[in-house]
Amino acid sequence: MANSIWTTEQFTCPGCGMNYTATKEELQNKRSGAFACIVCDAEVHKWSGRVDFFDWTAKRMASPVFGRKR
């Protein structure tokens, strides 16, 4: 679609806390979908209406380092 608007959205899995980004596209037609976490299979986001989400990417989280000052 030539006139579509794309934005990047951030999501966090409610099950394990994994962070994701996805591209949101506004559409002329209605669409629905859902995305599940690749780690724990919990539903991260569900949508319907004139939007679609694609290009889901897991964002690496920094591991906490205990006993070390920043």
N, C-alpha and C. Protein backbone atom coordinates (compact mmCIF):
# COMPACT_ATOMS: atom_id res chain seq x y z
N MET A 1 0.84 -1.16 0.00
CA MET A 1 0.00 0.00 0.00
C MET A 1 0.90 1.23 0.00
N ALA A 2 0.72 2.12 -0.91
CA ALA A 2 1.60 3.27 -1.07
C ALA A 2 1.38 4.32 0.01
N ASN A 3 0.18 4.44 0.55
CA ASN A 3 -0.11 5.49 1.52
C ASN A 3 -0.13 5.00 2.96
N SER A 4 0.39 3.82 3.23
CA SER A 4 0.33 3.29 4.59
C SER A 4 1.34 3.99 5.49
N ILE A 5 1.03 3.99 6.78
CA ILE A 5 1.90 4.58 7.79
C ILE A 5 2.43 3.45 8.65
N TRP A 6 3.75 3.37 8.78
CA TRP A 6 4.39 2.35 9.60
C TRP A 6 5.00 3.00 10.82
N THR A 7 4.81 2.38 11.97
CA THR A 7 5.47 2.81 13.20
C THR A 7 6.04 1.59 13.90
N THR A 8 7.03 1.78 14.74
CA THR A 8 7.60 0.70 15.53
C THR A 8 7.02 0.75 16.92
N GLU A 9 6.49 -0.38 17.37
CA GLU A 9 5.87 -0.49 18.69
C GLU A 9 6.69 -1.45 19.55
N GLN A 10 6.67 -1.25 20.86
CA GLN A 10 7.38 -2.12 21.78
C GLN A 10 6.38 -2.87 22.65
N PHE A 11 6.68 -4.14 22.92
CA PHE A 11 5.82 -5.00 23.73
C PHE A 11 6.68 -5.80 24.70
N THR A 12 6.08 -6.18 25.82
CA THR A 12 6.75 -7.03 26.80
C THR A 12 5.85 -8.22 27.07
N CYS A 13 6.42 -9.41 27.05
CA CYS A 13 5.66 -10.62 27.32
C CYS A 13 5.18 -10.61 28.77
N PRO A 14 3.88 -10.85 29.00
CA PRO A 14 3.38 -10.87 30.37
C PRO A 14 3.81 -12.12 31.13
N GLY A 15 4.25 -13.15 30.40
CA GLY A 15 4.64 -14.39 31.05
C GLY A 15 6.08 -14.41 31.55
N CYS A 16 7.01 -14.02 30.69
CA CYS A 16 8.43 -14.13 31.05
C CYS A 16 9.19 -12.81 31.00
N GLY A 17 8.56 -11.76 30.50
CA GLY A 17 9.21 -10.45 30.48
C GLY A 17 10.09 -10.19 29.26
N MET A 18 10.08 -11.08 28.28
CA MET A 18 10.88 -10.87 27.06
C MET A 18 10.36 -9.65 26.33
N ASN A 19 11.27 -8.83 25.83
CA ASN A 19 10.90 -7.61 25.11
C ASN A 19 10.89 -7.86 23.60
N TYR A 20 9.92 -7.26 22.93
CA TYR A 20 9.77 -7.39 21.48
C TYR A 20 9.50 -6.03 20.86
N THR A 21 9.86 -5.90 19.59
CA THR A 21 9.41 -4.77 18.79
C THR A 21 8.69 -5.35 17.57
N ALA A 22 7.75 -4.59 17.05
CA ALA A 22 7.01 -4.98 15.86
C ALA A 22 6.68 -3.73 15.07
N THR A 23 6.53 -3.90 13.78
CA THR A 23 6.13 -2.79 12.93
C THR A 23 4.62 -2.80 12.79
N LYS A 24 4.01 -1.66 13.06
CA LYS A 24 2.56 -1.51 12.97
C LYS A 24 2.24 -0.77 11.67
N GLU A 25 1.30 -1.32 10.93
CA GLU A 25 0.90 -0.71 9.66
C GLU A 25 -0.60 -0.41 9.70
N GLU A 26 -0.97 0.81 9.33
CA GLU A 26 -2.38 1.17 9.22
C GLU A 26 -2.88 0.73 7.85
N LEU A 27 -4.05 0.09 7.84
CA LEU A 27 -4.60 -0.49 6.61
C LEU A 27 -5.97 0.11 6.28
N GLN A 28 -6.41 -0.11 5.05
CA GLN A 28 -7.76 0.29 4.65
C GLN A 28 -8.77 -0.79 5.00
N ASN A 29 -8.33 -2.04 5.03
CA ASN A 29 -9.22 -3.16 5.32
C ASN A 29 -8.97 -3.67 6.73
N LYS A 30 -9.99 -4.28 7.31
CA LYS A 30 -9.86 -4.84 8.65
C LYS A 30 -9.05 -6.13 8.61
N ARG A 31 -8.31 -6.34 9.69
CA ARG A 31 -7.48 -7.54 9.81
C ARG A 31 -7.33 -7.86 11.29
N SER A 32 -7.07 -9.10 11.61
CA SER A 32 -6.83 -9.47 13.00
C SER A 32 -5.66 -10.44 13.06
N GLY A 33 -5.09 -10.55 14.24
CA GLY A 33 -3.96 -11.45 14.42
C GLY A 33 -3.52 -11.47 15.86
N ALA A 34 -2.53 -12.29 16.14
CA ALA A 34 -1.98 -12.40 17.49
C ALA A 34 -0.53 -12.83 17.38
N PHE A 35 0.24 -12.50 18.41
CA PHE A 35 1.64 -12.91 18.47
C PHE A 35 1.90 -13.54 19.82
N ALA A 36 2.55 -14.71 19.81
CA ALA A 36 2.88 -15.43 21.04
C ALA A 36 4.39 -15.39 21.27
N CYS A 37 4.78 -15.35 22.52
CA CYS A 37 6.18 -15.30 22.93
C CYS A 37 6.93 -16.55 22.44
N ILE A 38 8.13 -16.35 21.95
CA ILE A 38 8.93 -17.48 21.47
C ILE A 38 9.58 -18.24 22.63
N VAL A 39 9.58 -17.65 23.82
CA VAL A 39 10.20 -18.30 24.98
C VAL A 39 9.17 -19.13 25.75
N CYS A 40 8.04 -18.50 26.13
CA CYS A 40 7.08 -19.19 27.00
C CYS A 40 5.72 -19.42 26.36
N ASP A 41 5.52 -18.98 25.13
CA ASP A 41 4.29 -19.18 24.36
C ASP A 41 3.09 -18.40 24.90
N ALA A 42 3.31 -17.43 25.77
CA ALA A 42 2.22 -16.58 26.25
C ALA A 42 1.84 -15.58 25.16
N GLU A 43 0.58 -15.16 25.15
CA GLU A 43 0.14 -14.17 24.17
C GLU A 43 0.72 -12.81 24.53
N VAL A 44 1.49 -12.24 23.62
CA VAL A 44 2.13 -10.94 23.83
C VAL A 44 1.20 -9.82 23.38
N HIS A 45 0.56 -10.00 22.23
CA HIS A 45 -0.33 -8.97 21.70
C HIS A 45 -1.34 -9.59 20.75
N LYS A 46 -2.57 -9.09 20.82
CA LYS A 46 -3.65 -9.52 19.95
C LYS A 46 -4.29 -8.26 19.38
N TRP A 47 -4.61 -8.26 18.08
CA TRP A 47 -5.15 -7.05 17.46
C TRP A 47 -6.24 -7.38 16.46
N SER A 48 -7.08 -6.38 16.21
CA SER A 48 -8.09 -6.46 15.16
C SER A 48 -8.45 -5.04 14.76
N GLY A 49 -8.94 -4.88 13.57
CA GLY A 49 -9.28 -3.55 13.07
C GLY A 49 -8.48 -3.21 11.84
N ARG A 50 -8.21 -1.98 11.66
CA ARG A 50 -7.52 -1.50 10.46
C ARG A 50 -6.01 -1.36 10.66
N VAL A 51 -5.44 -2.30 11.42
CA VAL A 51 -3.99 -2.32 11.64
C VAL A 51 -3.48 -3.75 11.49
N ASP A 52 -2.19 -3.86 11.24
CA ASP A 52 -1.53 -5.15 11.23
C ASP A 52 -0.15 -4.96 11.85
N PHE A 53 0.37 -5.99 12.49
CA PHE A 53 1.70 -5.97 13.07
C PHE A 53 2.54 -7.04 12.39
N PHE A 54 3.77 -6.68 12.03
CA PHE A 54 4.67 -7.63 11.37
C PHE A 54 6.10 -7.33 11.78
N ASP A 55 7.03 -8.15 11.34
CA ASP A 55 8.46 -8.00 11.63
C ASP A 55 8.72 -8.04 13.14
N TRP A 56 8.12 -9.03 13.81
CA TRP A 56 8.32 -9.19 15.25
C TRP A 56 9.76 -9.57 15.52
N THR A 57 10.41 -8.84 16.43
CA THR A 57 11.82 -9.08 16.75
C THR A 57 11.99 -9.11 18.26
N ALA A 58 12.64 -10.15 18.74
CA ALA A 58 12.95 -10.23 20.18
C ALA A 58 14.17 -9.35 20.44
N LYS A 59 14.07 -8.57 21.50
CA LYS A 59 15.17 -7.69 21.87
C LYS A 59 15.94 -8.33 23.01
N ARG A 60 17.23 -8.49 22.81
CA ARG A 60 18.07 -9.11 23.83
C ARG A 60 18.08 -8.23 25.07
N MET A 61 17.82 -8.87 26.18
CA MET A 61 17.82 -8.16 27.45
C MET A 61 19.18 -8.36 28.12
N ALA A 62 19.68 -7.32 28.74
CA ALA A 62 20.94 -7.43 29.45
C ALA A 62 20.73 -8.28 30.72
N SER A 63 21.62 -9.20 30.95
CA SER A 63 21.53 -10.02 32.15
C SER A 63 21.98 -9.21 33.35
N PRO A 64 21.28 -9.33 34.45
CA PRO A 64 21.72 -8.58 35.63
C PRO A 64 23.03 -9.15 36.16
N VAL A 65 23.89 -8.28 36.63
CA VAL A 65 25.17 -8.69 37.21
C VAL A 65 25.09 -8.38 38.69
N PHE A 66 25.14 -9.43 39.51
CA PHE A 66 25.00 -9.26 40.94
C PHE A 66 26.39 -9.08 41.59
N GLY A 67 26.43 -8.24 42.61
CA GLY A 67 27.65 -8.04 43.37
C GLY A 67 28.63 -7.08 42.72
N ARG A 68 28.21 -6.39 41.68
CA ARG A 68 29.07 -5.44 40.98
C ARG A 68 28.42 -4.08 40.96
N LYS A 69 29.20 -3.05 41.29
CA LYS A 69 28.66 -1.70 41.21
C LYS A 69 28.80 -1.20 39.79
N ARG A 70 27.91 -0.34 39.41
CA ARG A 70 27.97 0.23 38.07
C ARG A 70 29.00 1.30 37.98
